[in-house]
Amino acid sequence: MKKKAFTAGILGWIIPGLGHVYLRKYWRGLVFFLAIGLMSLLGLAMGGKIYPLQAENPLTLLAFLSDLGNGLLYILSRFLPIGLGEMERVSFEFGTAYLAGAGLLNYLIALDAWDIARGKKS
């Protein structure tokens, strides 16, 4: 049971909704994937920034932790030129907020999948 819960949580963190699909909650997984995916795409389209780990500023550390919640998108942003942030765009701050919000919501979705796998929720 613990292995299944751990797997569901990790899969849900890597790709939003994948933990629910793993638990055969297909509709819920699809809705989460579309909602978080759309938030992330809008954030990138608005020129938002995905923050790397920078320990010198506490606010940047918090931004890193929220962006880390995006899972695979965060990992890809470290190797591909996405989420660099376009500060000259008017929508830069909104895009960054969308990306951070998507990461924080994805943490909650992964925890939801973990709770379902543990039998604490249906």
PDB file of N, CA and C in Angstrom:
ATOM      1  N   MET A   1       0.820  -1.192   0.000  1.00  0.00           N
ATOM      2  CA  MET A   1       0.000   0.000   0.000  1.00  0.00           C
ATOM      3  C   MET A   1       0.869   1.263   0.000  1.00  0.00           C
ATOM      4  N   LYS A   2       1.936   1.276   0.789  1.00  0.00           N
ATOM      5  CA  LYS A   2       2.796   2.456   0.853  1.00  0.00           C
ATOM      6  C   LYS A   2       3.520   2.681  -0.470  1.00  0.00           C
ATOM      7  N   LYS A   3       3.926   1.581  -1.124  1.00  0.00           N
ATOM      8  CA  LYS A   3       4.623   1.711  -2.400  1.00  0.00           C
ATOM      9  C   LYS A   3       3.685   2.304  -3.449  1.00  0.00           C
ATOM     10  N   LYS A   4       2.437   1.870  -3.451  1.00  0.00           N
ATOM     11  CA  LYS A   4       1.467   2.387  -4.405  1.00  0.00           C
ATOM     12  C   LYS A   4       1.210   3.883  -4.158  1.00  0.00           C
ATOM     13  N   ALA A   5       1.119   4.268  -2.893  1.00  0.00           N
ATOM     14  CA  ALA A   5       0.889   5.672  -2.549  1.00  0.00           C
ATOM     15  C   ALA A   5       2.088   6.524  -2.964  1.00  0.00           C
ATOM     16  N   PHE A   6       3.285   6.051  -2.698  1.00  0.00           N
ATOM     17  CA  PHE A   6       4.493   6.778  -3.076  1.00  0.00           C
ATOM     18  C   PHE A   6       4.560   6.941  -4.599  1.00  0.00           C
ATOM     19  N   THR A   7       4.271   5.861  -5.324  1.00  0.00           N
ATOM     20  CA  THR A   7       4.299   5.905  -6.783  1.00  0.00           C
ATOM     21  C   THR A   7       3.266   6.887  -7.322  1.00  0.00           C
ATOM     22  N   ALA A   8       2.062   6.854  -6.775  1.00  0.00           N
ATOM     23  CA  ALA A   8       1.009   7.767  -7.222  1.00  0.00           C
ATOM     24  C   ALA A   8       1.402   9.220  -6.955  1.00  0.00           C
ATOM     25  N   GLY A   9       1.995   9.487  -5.809  1.00  0.00           N
ATOM     26  CA  GLY A   9       2.423  10.847  -5.484  1.00  0.00           C
ATOM     27  C   GLY A   9       3.517  11.347  -6.401  1.00  0.00           C
ATOM     28  N   ILE A  10       4.504  10.509  -6.661  1.00  0.00           N
ATOM     29  CA  ILE A  10       5.616  10.906  -7.538  1.00  0.00           C
ATOM     30  C   ILE A  10       5.133  11.097  -8.975  1.00  0.00           C
ATOM     31  N   LEU A  11       4.292  10.176  -9.459  1.00  0.00           N
ATOM     32  CA  LEU A  11       3.758  10.324 -10.817  1.00  0.00           C
ATOM     33  C   LEU A  11       2.912  11.583 -10.935  1.00  0.00           C
ATOM     34  N   GLY A  12       2.134  11.880  -9.898  1.00  0.00           N
ATOM     35  CA  GLY A  12       1.315  13.086  -9.891  1.00  0.00           C
ATOM     36  C   GLY A  12       2.143  14.351  -9.849  1.00  0.00           C
ATOM     37  N   TRP A  13       3.308  14.289  -9.230  1.00  0.00           N
ATOM     38  CA  TRP A  13       4.187  15.457  -9.210  1.00  0.00           C
ATOM     39  C   TRP A  13       4.856  15.649 -10.567  1.00  0.00           C
ATOM     40  N   ILE A  14       5.313  14.565 -11.192  1.00  0.00           N
ATOM     41  CA  ILE A  14       6.022  14.670 -12.467  1.00  0.00           C
ATOM     42  C   ILE A  14       5.112  15.226 -13.559  1.00  0.00           C
ATOM     43  N   ILE A  15       3.925  14.637 -13.701  1.00  0.00           N
ATOM     44  CA  ILE A  15       2.946  15.098 -14.689  1.00  0.00           C
ATOM     45  C   ILE A  15       1.619  15.248 -13.973  1.00  0.00           C
ATOM     46  N   PRO A  16       1.052  16.444 -13.965  1.00  0.00           N
ATOM     47  CA  PRO A  16      -0.214  16.652 -13.247  1.00  0.00           C
ATOM     48  C   PRO A  16      -1.303  15.681 -13.709  1.00  0.00           C
ATOM     49  N   GLY A  17      -1.926  15.016 -12.762  1.00  0.00           N
ATOM     50  CA  GLY A  17      -3.005  14.090 -13.064  1.00  0.00           C
ATOM     51  C   GLY A  17      -2.564  12.665 -13.322  1.00  0.00           C
ATOM     52  N   LEU A  18      -1.274  12.440 -13.543  1.00  0.00           N
ATOM     53  CA  LEU A  18      -0.808  11.086 -13.855  1.00  0.00           C
ATOM     54  C   LEU A  18      -0.958  10.151 -12.664  1.00  0.00           C
ATOM     55  N   GLY A  19      -0.828  10.662 -11.458  1.00  0.00           N
ATOM     56  CA  GLY A  19      -1.041   9.836 -10.271  1.00  0.00           C
ATOM     57  C   GLY A  19      -2.475   9.361 -10.185  1.00  0.00           C
ATOM     58  N   HIS A  20      -3.415  10.196 -10.583  1.00  0.00           N
ATOM     59  CA  HIS A  20      -4.821   9.799 -10.573  1.00  0.00           C
ATOM     60  C   HIS A  20      -5.109   8.771 -11.665  1.00  0.00           C
ATOM     61  N   VAL A  21      -4.497   8.944 -12.821  1.00  0.00           N
ATOM     62  CA  VAL A  21      -4.651   7.964 -13.898  1.00  0.00           C
ATOM     63  C   VAL A  21      -4.082   6.622 -13.443  1.00  0.00           C
ATOM     64  N   TYR A  22      -2.950   6.644 -12.762  1.00  0.00           N
ATOM     65  CA  TYR A  22      -2.347   5.431 -12.206  1.00  0.00           C
ATOM     66  C   TYR A  22      -3.305   4.727 -11.249  1.00  0.00           C
ATOM     67  N   LEU A  23      -4.111   5.510 -10.529  1.00  0.00           N
ATOM     68  CA  LEU A  23      -5.082   4.962  -9.579  1.00  0.00           C
ATOM     69  C   LEU A  23      -6.445   4.700 -10.222  1.00  0.00           C
ATOM     70  N   ARG A  24      -6.501   4.799 -11.539  1.00  0.00           N
ATOM     71  CA  ARG A  24      -7.717   4.558 -12.325  1.00  0.00           C
ATOM     72  C   ARG A  24      -8.823   5.571 -12.048  1.00  0.00           C
ATOM     73  N   LYS A  25      -8.443   6.763 -11.738  1.00  0.00           N
ATOM     74  CA  LYS A  25      -9.372   7.892 -11.612  1.00  0.00           C
ATOM     75  C   LYS A  25      -9.155   8.743 -12.868  1.00  0.00           C
ATOM     76  N   TYR A  26      -9.612   8.207 -13.993  1.00  0.00           N
ATOM     77  CA  TYR A  26      -9.264   8.777 -15.292  1.00  0.00           C
ATOM     78  C   TYR A  26      -9.814  10.190 -15.504  1.00  0.00           C
ATOM     79  N   TRP A  27     -11.070  10.412 -15.189  1.00  0.00           N
ATOM     80  CA  TRP A  27     -11.655  11.736 -15.404  1.00  0.00           C
ATOM     81  C   TRP A  27     -10.986  12.790 -14.537  1.00  0.00           C
ATOM     82  N   ARG A  28     -10.760  12.440 -13.291  1.00  0.00           N
ATOM     83  CA  ARG A  28     -10.112  13.382 -12.381  1.00  0.00           C
ATOM     84  C   ARG A  28      -8.700  13.694 -12.880  1.00  0.00           C
ATOM     85  N   GLY A  29      -7.979  12.673 -13.317  1.00  0.00           N
ATOM     86  CA  GLY A  29      -6.634  12.878 -13.849  1.00  0.00           C
ATOM     87  C   GLY A  29      -6.631  13.748 -15.088  1.00  0.00           C
ATOM     88  N   LEU A  30      -7.616  13.543 -15.964  1.00  0.00           N
ATOM     89  CA  LEU A  30      -7.709  14.344 -17.183  1.00  0.00           C
ATOM     90  C   LEU A  30      -7.998  15.806 -16.864  1.00  0.00           C
ATOM     91  N   VAL A  31      -8.921  16.043 -15.943  1.00  0.00           N
ATOM     92  CA  VAL A  31      -9.257  17.417 -15.560  1.00  0.00           C
ATOM     93  C   VAL A  31      -8.042  18.113 -14.950  1.00  0.00           C
ATOM     94  N   PHE A  32      -7.334  17.419 -14.066  1.00  0.00           N
ATOM     95  CA  PHE A  32      -6.145  18.021 -13.454  1.00  0.00           C
ATOM     96  C   PHE A  32      -5.064  18.298 -14.490  1.00  0.00           C
ATOM     97  N   PHE A  33      -4.867  17.355 -15.410  1.00  0.00           N
ATOM     98  CA  PHE A  33      -3.853  17.545 -16.445  1.00  0.00           C
ATOM     99  C   PHE A  33      -4.183  18.758 -17.307  1.00  0.00           C
ATOM    100  N   LEU A  34      -5.443  18.875 -17.723  1.00  0.00           N
ATOM    101  CA  LEU A  34      -5.835  19.995 -18.574  1.00  0.00           C
ATOM    102  C   LEU A  34      -5.758  21.325 -17.827  1.00  0.00           C
ATOM    103  N   ALA A  35      -6.218  21.352 -16.584  1.00  0.00           N
ATOM    104  CA  ALA A  35      -6.231  22.608 -15.827  1.00  0.00           C
ATOM    105  C   ALA A  35      -4.811  23.102 -15.536  1.00  0.00           C
ATOM    106  N   ILE A  36      -3.984  22.241 -14.994  1.00  0.00           N
ATOM    107  CA  ILE A  36      -2.613  22.646 -14.660  1.00  0.00           C
ATOM    108  C   ILE A  36      -1.796  22.859 -15.923  1.00  0.00           C
ATOM    109  N   GLY A  37      -2.015  22.024 -16.932  1.00  0.00           N
ATOM    110  CA  GLY A  37      -1.312  22.206 -18.199  1.00  0.00           C
ATOM    111  C   GLY A  37      -1.651  23.534 -18.855  1.00  0.00           C
ATOM    112  N   LEU A  38      -2.930  23.902 -18.823  1.00  0.00           N
ATOM    113  CA  LEU A  38      -3.336  25.179 -19.398  1.00  0.00           C
ATOM    114  C   LEU A  38      -2.749  26.348 -18.609  1.00  0.00           C
ATOM    115  N   MET A  39      -2.751  26.239 -17.292  1.00  0.00           N
ATOM    116  CA  MET A  39      -2.133  27.297 -16.476  1.00  0.00           C
ATOM    117  C   MET A  39      -0.657  27.468 -16.815  1.00  0.00           C
ATOM    118  N   SER A  40       0.033  26.350 -16.951  1.00  0.00           N
ATOM    119  CA  SER A  40       1.468  26.401 -17.262  1.00  0.00           C
ATOM    120  C   SER A  40       1.709  26.974 -18.655  1.00  0.00           C
ATOM    121  N   LEU A  41       0.914  26.542 -19.628  1.00  0.00           N
ATOM    122  CA  LEU A  41       1.080  27.059 -20.984  1.00  0.00           C
ATOM    123  C   LEU A  41       0.786  28.552 -21.061  1.00  0.00           C
ATOM    124  N   LEU A  42      -0.255  28.993 -20.353  1.00  0.00           N
ATOM    125  CA  LEU A  42      -0.543  30.424 -20.319  1.00  0.00           C
ATOM    126  C   LEU A  42       0.602  31.200 -19.673  1.00  0.00           C
ATOM    127  N   GLY A  43       1.149  30.654 -18.603  1.00  0.00           N
ATOM    128  CA  GLY A  43       2.282  31.306 -17.951  1.00  0.00           C
ATOM    129  C   GLY A  43       3.484  31.438 -18.865  1.00  0.00           C
ATOM    130  N   LEU A  44       3.767  30.377 -19.613  1.00  0.00           N
ATOM    131  CA  LEU A  44       4.884  30.441 -20.559  1.00  0.00           C
ATOM    132  C   LEU A  44       4.584  31.392 -21.710  1.00  0.00           C
ATOM    133  N   ALA A  45       3.335  31.387 -22.197  1.00  0.00           N
ATOM    134  CA  ALA A  45       2.962  32.264 -23.307  1.00  0.00           C
ATOM    135  C   ALA A  45       3.026  33.736 -22.906  1.00  0.00           C
ATOM    136  N   MET A  46       2.798  34.020 -21.626  1.00  0.00           N
ATOM    137  CA  MET A  46       2.867  35.404 -21.148  1.00  0.00           C
ATOM    138  C   MET A  46       4.297  35.834 -20.825  1.00  0.00           C
ATOM    139  N   GLY A  47       5.250  34.947 -21.024  1.00  0.00           N
ATOM    140  CA  GLY A  47       6.651  35.299 -20.791  1.00  0.00           C
ATOM    141  C   GLY A  47       7.085  35.142 -19.354  1.00  0.00           C
ATOM    142  N   GLY A  48       6.437  34.259 -18.613  1.00  0.00           N
ATOM    143  CA  GLY A  48       6.785  34.044 -17.211  1.00  0.00           C
ATOM    144  C   GLY A  48       8.135  33.378 -17.033  1.00  0.00           C
ATOM    145  N   LYS A  49       8.669  33.507 -15.832  1.00  0.00           N
ATOM    146  CA  LYS A  49       9.991  32.953 -15.510  1.00  0.00           C
ATOM    147  C   LYS A  49       9.849  31.762 -14.581  1.00  0.00           C
ATOM    148  N   ILE A  50      10.608  30.713 -14.864  1.00  0.00           N
ATOM    149  CA  ILE A  50      10.737  29.565 -13.975  1.00  0.00           C
ATOM    150  C   ILE A  50      12.075  29.737 -13.258  1.00  0.00           C
ATOM    151  N   TYR A  51      12.015  29.898 -11.949  1.00  0.00           N
ATOM    152  CA  TYR A  51      13.207  30.246 -11.170  1.00  0.00           C
ATOM    153  C   TYR A  51      14.060  29.026 -10.831  1.00  0.00           C
ATOM    154  N   PRO A  52      15.382  29.127 -11.033  1.00  0.00           N
ATOM    155  CA  PRO A  52      16.297  28.075 -10.573  1.00  0.00           C
ATOM    156  C   PRO A  52      16.587  28.258  -9.083  1.00  0.00           C
ATOM    157  N   LEU A  53      17.297  27.327  -8.508  1.00  0.00           N
ATOM    158  CA  LEU A  53      17.671  27.415  -7.096  1.00  0.00           C
ATOM    159  C   LEU A  53      18.707  28.517  -6.915  1.00  0.00           C
ATOM    160  N   GLN A  54      18.336  29.534  -6.137  1.00  0.00           N
ATOM    161  CA  GLN A  54      19.233  30.633  -5.794  1.00  0.00           C
ATOM    162  C   GLN A  54      19.027  30.918  -4.317  1.00  0.00           C
ATOM    163  N   ALA A  55      19.987  30.558  -3.498  1.00  0.00           N
ATOM    164  CA  ALA A  55      19.816  30.624  -2.047  1.00  0.00           C
ATOM    165  C   ALA A  55      20.105  32.000  -1.452  1.00  0.00           C
ATOM    166  N   GLU A  56      20.586  32.941  -2.241  1.00  0.00           N
ATOM    167  CA  GLU A  56      20.965  34.224  -1.644  1.00  0.00           C
ATOM    168  C   GLU A  56      19.769  35.110  -1.311  1.00  0.00           C
ATOM    169  N   ASN A  57      18.624  34.866  -1.915  1.00  0.00           N
ATOM    170  CA  ASN A  57      17.441  35.682  -1.672  1.00  0.00           C
ATOM    171  C   ASN A  57      16.290  34.774  -1.215  1.00  0.00           C
ATOM    172  N   PRO A  58      15.705  35.013  -0.057  1.00  0.00           N
ATOM    173  CA  PRO A  58      14.623  34.143   0.432  1.00  0.00           C
ATOM    174  C   PRO A  58      13.406  34.114  -0.489  1.00  0.00           C
ATOM    175  N   LEU A  59      13.088  35.222  -1.131  1.00  0.00           N
ATOM    176  CA  LEU A  59      11.941  35.231  -2.035  1.00  0.00           C
ATOM    177  C   LEU A  59      12.199  34.400  -3.282  1.00  0.00           C
ATOM    178  N   THR A  60      13.424  34.426  -3.764  1.00  0.00           N
ATOM    179  CA  THR A  60      13.777  33.604  -4.917  1.00  0.00           C
ATOM    180  C   THR A  60      13.741  32.129  -4.542  1.00  0.00           C
ATOM    181  N   LEU A  61      14.102  31.810  -3.305  1.00  0.00           N
ATOM    182  CA  LEU A  61      14.012  30.424  -2.838  1.00  0.00           C
ATOM    183  C   LEU A  61      12.560  29.961  -2.811  1.00  0.00           C
ATOM    184  N   LEU A  62      11.656  30.821  -2.363  1.00  0.00           N
ATOM    185  CA  LEU A  62      10.235  30.468  -2.371  1.00  0.00           C
ATOM    186  C   LEU A  62       9.708  30.298  -3.789  1.00  0.00           C
ATOM    187  N   ALA A  63      10.154  31.154  -4.698  1.00  0.00           N
ATOM    188  CA  ALA A  63       9.750  31.032  -6.102  1.00  0.00           C
ATOM    189  C   ALA A  63      10.259  29.715  -6.689  1.00  0.00           C
ATOM    190  N   PHE A  64      11.492  29.348  -6.344  1.00  0.00           N
ATOM    191  CA  PHE A  64      12.042  28.067  -6.797  1.00  0.00           C
ATOM    192  C   PHE A  64      11.191  26.900  -6.300  1.00  0.00           C
ATOM    193  N   LEU A  65      10.817  26.927  -5.015  1.00  0.00           N
ATOM    194  CA  LEU A  65      10.035  25.819  -4.457  1.00  0.00           C
ATOM    195  C   LEU A  65       8.663  25.715  -5.112  1.00  0.00           C
ATOM    196  N   SER A  66       8.046  26.840  -5.425  1.00  0.00           N
ATOM    197  CA  SER A  66       6.749  26.773  -6.099  1.00  0.00           C
ATOM    198  C   SER A  66       6.910  26.297  -7.541  1.00  0.00           C
ATOM    199  N   ASP A  67       7.932  26.746  -8.228  1.00  0.00           N
ATOM    200  CA  ASP A  67       8.160  26.301  -9.605  1.00  0.00           C
ATOM    201  C   ASP A  67       8.567  24.836  -9.667  1.00  0.00           C
ATOM    202  N   LEU A  68       9.228  24.349  -8.654  1.00  0.00           N
ATOM    203  CA  LEU A  68       9.612  22.940  -8.602  1.00  0.00           C
ATOM    204  C   LEU A  68       8.374  22.034  -8.619  1.00  0.00           C
ATOM    205  N   GLY A  69       7.260  22.545  -8.155  1.00  0.00           N
ATOM    206  CA  GLY A  69       6.019  21.784  -8.178  1.00  0.00           C
ATOM    207  C   GLY A  69       5.526  21.461  -9.574  1.00  0.00           C
ATOM    208  N   ASN A  70       6.054  22.134 -10.578  1.00  0.00           N
ATOM    209  CA  ASN A  70       5.649  21.852 -11.953  1.00  0.00           C
ATOM    210  C   ASN A  70       6.230  20.548 -12.492  1.00  0.00           C
ATOM    211  N   GLY A  71       7.078  19.898 -11.735  1.00  0.00           N
ATOM    212  CA  GLY A  71       7.589  18.575 -12.098  1.00  0.00           C
ATOM    213  C   GLY A  71       8.387  18.561 -13.372  1.00  0.00           C
ATOM    214  N   LEU A  72       7.871  17.849 -14.368  1.00  0.00           N
ATOM    215  CA  LEU A  72       8.589  17.664 -15.625  1.00  0.00           C
ATOM    216  C   LEU A  72       8.856  18.992 -16.325  1.00  0.00           C
ATOM    217  N   LEU A  73       7.915  19.926 -16.247  1.00  0.00           N
ATOM    218  CA  LEU A  73       8.135  21.239 -16.864  1.00  0.00           C
ATOM    219  C   LEU A  73       9.347  21.928 -16.245  1.00  0.00           C
ATOM    220  N   TYR A  74       9.493  21.832 -14.935  1.00  0.00           N
ATOM    221  CA  TYR A  74      10.657  22.435 -14.284  1.00  0.00           C
ATOM    222  C   TYR A  74      11.947  21.758 -14.756  1.00  0.00           C
ATOM    223  N   ILE A  75      11.941  20.444 -14.806  1.00  0.00           N
ATOM    224  CA  ILE A  75      13.134  19.705 -15.234  1.00  0.00           C
ATOM    225  C   ILE A  75      13.506  20.082 -16.666  1.00  0.00           C
ATOM    226  N   LEU A  76      12.490  20.151 -17.553  1.00  0.00           N
ATOM    227  CA  LEU A  76      12.762  20.533 -18.941  1.00  0.00           C
ATOM    228  C   LEU A  76      13.290  21.955 -19.047  1.00  0.00           C
ATOM    229  N   SER A  77      12.803  22.836 -18.176  1.00  0.00           N
ATOM    230  CA  SER A  77      13.259  24.230 -18.231  1.00  0.00           C
ATOM    231  C   SER A  77      14.733  24.385 -17.878  1.00  0.00           C
ATOM    232  N   ARG A  78      15.305  23.422 -17.198  1.00  0.00           N
ATOM    233  CA  ARG A  78      16.729  23.489 -16.877  1.00  0.00           C
ATOM    234  C   ARG A  78      17.591  23.093 -18.075  1.00  0.00           C
ATOM    235  N   PHE A  79      17.009  22.362 -19.047  1.00  0.00           N
ATOM    236  CA  PHE A  79      17.788  21.889 -20.198  1.00  0.00           C
ATOM    237  C   PHE A  79      17.389  22.557 -21.507  1.00  0.00           C
ATOM    238  N   LEU A  80      16.170  23.066 -21.589  1.00  0.00           N
ATOM    239  CA  LEU A  80      15.683  23.704 -22.807  1.00  0.00           C
ATOM    240  C   LEU A  80      15.451  25.195 -22.543  1.00  0.00           C
ATOM    241  N   PRO A  81      15.454  25.998 -23.572  1.00  0.00           N
ATOM    242  CA  PRO A  81      15.250  27.449 -23.368  1.00  0.00           C
ATOM    243  C   PRO A  81      13.762  27.810 -23.203  1.00  0.00           C
ATOM    244  N   ILE A  82      13.138  27.312 -22.142  1.00  0.00           N
ATOM    245  CA  ILE A  82      11.751  27.674 -21.842  1.00  0.00           C
ATOM    246  C   ILE A  82      11.692  28.233 -20.423  1.00  0.00           C
ATOM    247  N   GLY A  83      10.773  29.138 -20.206  1.00  0.00           N
ATOM    248  CA  GLY A  83      10.609  29.723 -18.882  1.00  0.00           C
ATOM    249  C   GLY A  83      11.743  30.637 -18.470  1.00  0.00           C
ATOM    250  N   LEU A  84      12.400  31.266 -19.437  1.00  0.00           N
ATOM    251  CA  LEU A  84      13.518  32.154 -19.117  1.00  0.00           C
ATOM    252  C   LEU A  84      13.036  33.503 -18.598  1.00  0.00           C
ATOM    253  N   GLY A  85      11.809  33.848 -18.920  1.00  0.00           N
ATOM    254  CA  GLY A  85      11.250  35.120 -18.477  1.00  0.00           C
ATOM    255  C   GLY A  85      11.595  36.233 -19.436  1.00  0.00           C
ATOM    256  N   GLU A  86      10.572  36.939 -19.873  1.00  0.00           N
ATOM    257  CA  GLU A  86      10.763  38.059 -20.780  1.00  0.00           C
ATOM    258  C   GLU A  86      10.283  39.307 -20.059  1.00  0.00           C
ATOM    259  N   MET A  87      11.192  39.941 -19.326  1.00  0.00           N
ATOM    260  CA  MET A  87      10.840  41.069 -18.467  1.00  0.00           C
ATOM    261  C   MET A  87      10.309  42.282 -19.232  1.00  0.00           C
ATOM    262  N   GLU A  88      10.615  42.378 -20.507  1.00  0.00           N
ATOM    263  CA  GLU A  88      10.133  43.523 -21.274  1.00  0.00           C
ATOM    264  C   GLU A  88       8.649  43.398 -21.625  1.00  0.00           C
ATOM    265  N   ARG A  89       8.063  42.223 -21.456  1.00  0.00           N
ATOM    266  CA  ARG A  89       6.637  42.028 -21.747  1.00  0.00           C
ATOM    267  C   ARG A  89       5.788  42.518 -20.578  1.00  0.00           C
ATOM    268  N   VAL A  90       4.670  43.099 -20.917  1.00  0.00           N
ATOM    269  CA  VAL A  90       3.753  43.619 -19.902  1.00  0.00           C
ATOM    270  C   VAL A  90       3.214  42.482 -19.040  1.00  0.00           C
ATOM    271  N   SER A  91       3.061  41.307 -19.618  1.00  0.00           N
ATOM    272  CA  SER A  91       2.450  40.180 -18.917  1.00  0.00           C
ATOM    273  C   SER A  91       3.457  39.310 -18.167  1.00  0.00           C
ATOM    274  N   PHE A  92       4.705  39.758 -18.051  1.00  0.00           N
ATOM    275  CA  PHE A  92       5.748  38.955 -17.401  1.00  0.00           C
ATOM    276  C   PHE A  92       5.364  38.525 -15.982  1.00  0.00           C
ATOM    277  N   GLU A  93       4.918  39.473 -15.168  1.00  0.00           N
ATOM    278  CA  GLU A  93       4.580  39.161 -13.774  1.00  0.00           C
ATOM    279  C   GLU A  93       3.400  38.201 -13.681  1.00  0.00           C
ATOM    280  N   PHE A  94       2.405  38.395 -14.554  1.00  0.00           N
ATOM    281  CA  PHE A  94       1.254  37.504 -14.548  1.00  0.00           C
ATOM    282  C   PHE A  94       1.659  36.100 -14.970  1.00  0.00           C
ATOM    283  N   GLY A  95       2.515  36.004 -15.973  1.00  0.00           N
ATOM    284  CA  GLY A  95       2.984  34.696 -16.422  1.00  0.00           C
ATOM    285  C   GLY A  95       3.765  33.967 -15.341  1.00  0.00           C
ATOM    286  N   THR A  96       4.603  34.707 -14.627  1.00  0.00           N
ATOM    287  CA  THR A  96       5.364  34.119 -13.534  1.00  0.00           C
ATOM    288  C   THR A  96       4.429  33.648 -12.424  1.00  0.00           C
ATOM    289  N   ALA A  97       3.389  34.432 -12.143  1.00  0.00           N
ATOM    290  CA  ALA A  97       2.410  34.041 -11.122  1.00  0.00           C
ATOM    291  C   ALA A  97       1.623  32.813 -11.556  1.00  0.00           C
ATOM    292  N   TYR A  98       1.280  32.706 -12.825  1.00  0.00           N
ATOM    293  CA  TYR A  98       0.582  31.518 -13.322  1.00  0.00           C
ATOM    294  C   TYR A  98       1.456  30.280 -13.164  1.00  0.00           C
ATOM    295  N   LEU A  99       2.734  30.400 -13.490  1.00  0.00           N
ATOM    296  CA  LEU A  99       3.638  29.254 -13.364  1.00  0.00           C
ATOM    297  C   LEU A  99       3.802  28.839 -11.902  1.00  0.00           C
ATOM    298  N   ALA A 100       3.947  29.813 -11.015  1.00  0.00           N
ATOM    299  CA  ALA A 100       4.084  29.503  -9.589  1.00  0.00           C
ATOM    300  C   ALA A 100       2.796  28.890  -9.050  1.00  0.00           C
ATOM    301  N   GLY A 101       1.659  29.434  -9.453  1.00  0.00           N
ATOM    302  CA  GLY A 101       0.374  28.887  -9.015  1.00  0.00           C
ATOM    303  C   GLY A 101       0.152  27.472  -9.511  1.00  0.00           C
ATOM    304  N   ALA A 102       0.549  27.210 -10.742  1.00  0.00           N
ATOM    305  CA  ALA A 102       0.414  25.861 -11.285  1.00  0.00           C
ATOM    306  C   ALA A 102       1.272  24.872 -10.491  1.00  0.00           C
ATOM    307  N   GLY A 103       2.475  25.290 -10.117  1.00  0.00           N
ATOM    308  CA  GLY A 103       3.343  24.417  -9.328  1.00  0.00           C
ATOM    309  C   GLY A 103       2.774  24.127  -7.953  1.00  0.00           C
ATOM    310  N   LEU A 104       2.240  25.151  -7.301  1.00  0.00           N
ATOM    311  CA  LEU A 104       1.655  24.947  -5.970  1.00  0.00           C
ATOM    312  C   LEU A 104       0.403  24.075  -6.039  1.00  0.00           C
ATOM    313  N   LEU A 105      -0.429  24.292  -7.043  1.00  0.00           N
ATOM    314  CA  LEU A 105      -1.611  23.445  -7.202  1.00  0.00           C
ATOM    315  C   LEU A 105      -1.226  22.000  -7.518  1.00  0.00           C
ATOM    316  N   ASN A 106      -0.142  21.832  -8.269  1.00  0.00           N
ATOM    317  CA  ASN A 106       0.293  20.472  -8.585  1.00  0.00           C
ATOM    318  C   ASN A 106       0.761  19.727  -7.339  1.00  0.00           C
ATOM    319  N   TYR A 107       1.363  20.439  -6.379  1.00  0.00           N
ATOM    320  CA  TYR A 107       1.689  19.790  -5.108  1.00  0.00           C
ATOM    321  C   TYR A 107       0.418  19.235  -4.460  1.00  0.00           C
ATOM    322  N   LEU A 108      -0.641  20.030  -4.448  1.00  0.00           N
ATOM    323  CA  LEU A 108      -1.897  19.583  -3.842  1.00  0.00           C
ATOM    324  C   LEU A 108      -2.498  18.401  -4.592  1.00  0.00           C
ATOM    325  N   ILE A 109      -2.387  18.406  -5.903  1.00  0.00           N
ATOM    326  CA  ILE A 109      -2.922  17.308  -6.708  1.00  0.00           C
ATOM    327  C   ILE A 109      -2.131  16.027  -6.451  1.00  0.00           C
ATOM    328  N   ALA A 110      -0.818  16.137  -6.342  1.00  0.00           N
ATOM    329  CA  ALA A 110       0.007  14.964  -6.037  1.00  0.00           C
ATOM    330  C   ALA A 110      -0.328  14.423  -4.644  1.00  0.00           C
ATOM    331  N   LEU A 111      -0.547  15.313  -3.682  1.00  0.00           N
ATOM    332  CA  LEU A 111      -0.941  14.869  -2.337  1.00  0.00           C
ATOM    333  C   LEU A 111      -2.317  14.227  -2.338  1.00  0.00           C
ATOM    334  N   ASP A 112      -3.201  14.700  -3.198  1.00  0.00           N
ATOM    335  CA  ASP A 112      -4.518  14.093  -3.333  1.00  0.00           C
ATOM    336  C   ASP A 112      -4.395  12.658  -3.846  1.00  0.00           C
ATOM    337  N   ALA A 113      -3.557  12.448  -4.846  1.00  0.00           N
ATOM    338  CA  ALA A 113      -3.333  11.096  -5.368  1.00  0.00           C
ATOM    339  C   ALA A 113      -2.726  10.204  -4.283  1.00  0.00           C
ATOM    340  N   TRP A 114      -1.817  10.753  -3.506  1.00  0.00           N
ATOM    341  CA  TRP A 114      -1.200   9.998  -2.414  1.00  0.00           C
ATOM    342  C   TRP A 114      -2.249   9.596  -1.379  1.00  0.00           C
ATOM    343  N   ASP A 115      -3.139  10.526  -1.027  1.00  0.00           N
ATOM    344  CA  ASP A 115      -4.207  10.221  -0.066  1.00  0.00           C
ATOM    345  C   ASP A 115      -5.167   9.161  -0.593  1.00  0.00           C
ATOM    346  N   ILE A 116      -5.505   9.234  -1.863  1.00  0.00           N
ATOM    347  CA  ILE A 116      -6.400   8.227  -2.445  1.00  0.00           C
ATOM    348  C   ILE A 116      -5.753   6.855  -2.392  1.00  0.00           C
ATOM    349  N   ALA A 117      -4.475   6.776  -2.738  1.00  0.00           N
ATOM    350  CA  ALA A 117      -3.774   5.478  -2.727  1.00  0.00           C
ATOM    351  C   ALA A 117      -3.655   4.909  -1.316  1.00  0.00           C
ATOM    352  N   ARG A 118      -3.569   5.767  -0.300  1.00  0.00           N
ATOM    353  CA  ARG A 118      -3.494   5.311   1.084  1.00  0.00           C
ATOM    354  C   ARG A 118      -4.858   4.906   1.646  1.00  0.00           C
ATOM    355  N   GLY A 119      -5.921   5.189   0.897  1.00  0.00           N
ATOM    356  CA  GLY A 119      -7.257   4.853   1.366  1.00  0.00           C
ATOM    357  C   GLY A 119      -7.863   5.898   2.272  1.00  0.00           C
ATOM    358  N   LYS A 120      -7.259   7.060   2.377  1.00  0.00           N
ATOM    359  CA  LYS A 120      -7.762   8.137   3.223  1.00  0.00           C
ATOM    360  C   LYS A 120      -8.849   8.952   2.534  1.00  0.00           C
ATOM    361  N   LYS A 121      -8.975   8.760   1.221  1.00  0.00           N
ATOM    362  CA  LYS A 121      -9.924   9.529   0.428  1.00  0.00           C
ATOM    363  C   LYS A 121     -10.365   8.654  -0.734  1.00  0.00           C
ATOM    364  N   SER A 122     -11.546   8.934  -1.254  1.00  0.00           N
ATOM    365  CA  SER A 122     -12.001   8.119  -2.407  1.00  0.00           C
ATOM    366  C   SER A 122     -11.959   8.895  -3.674  1.00  0.00           C
TER     367      SER A 122
END
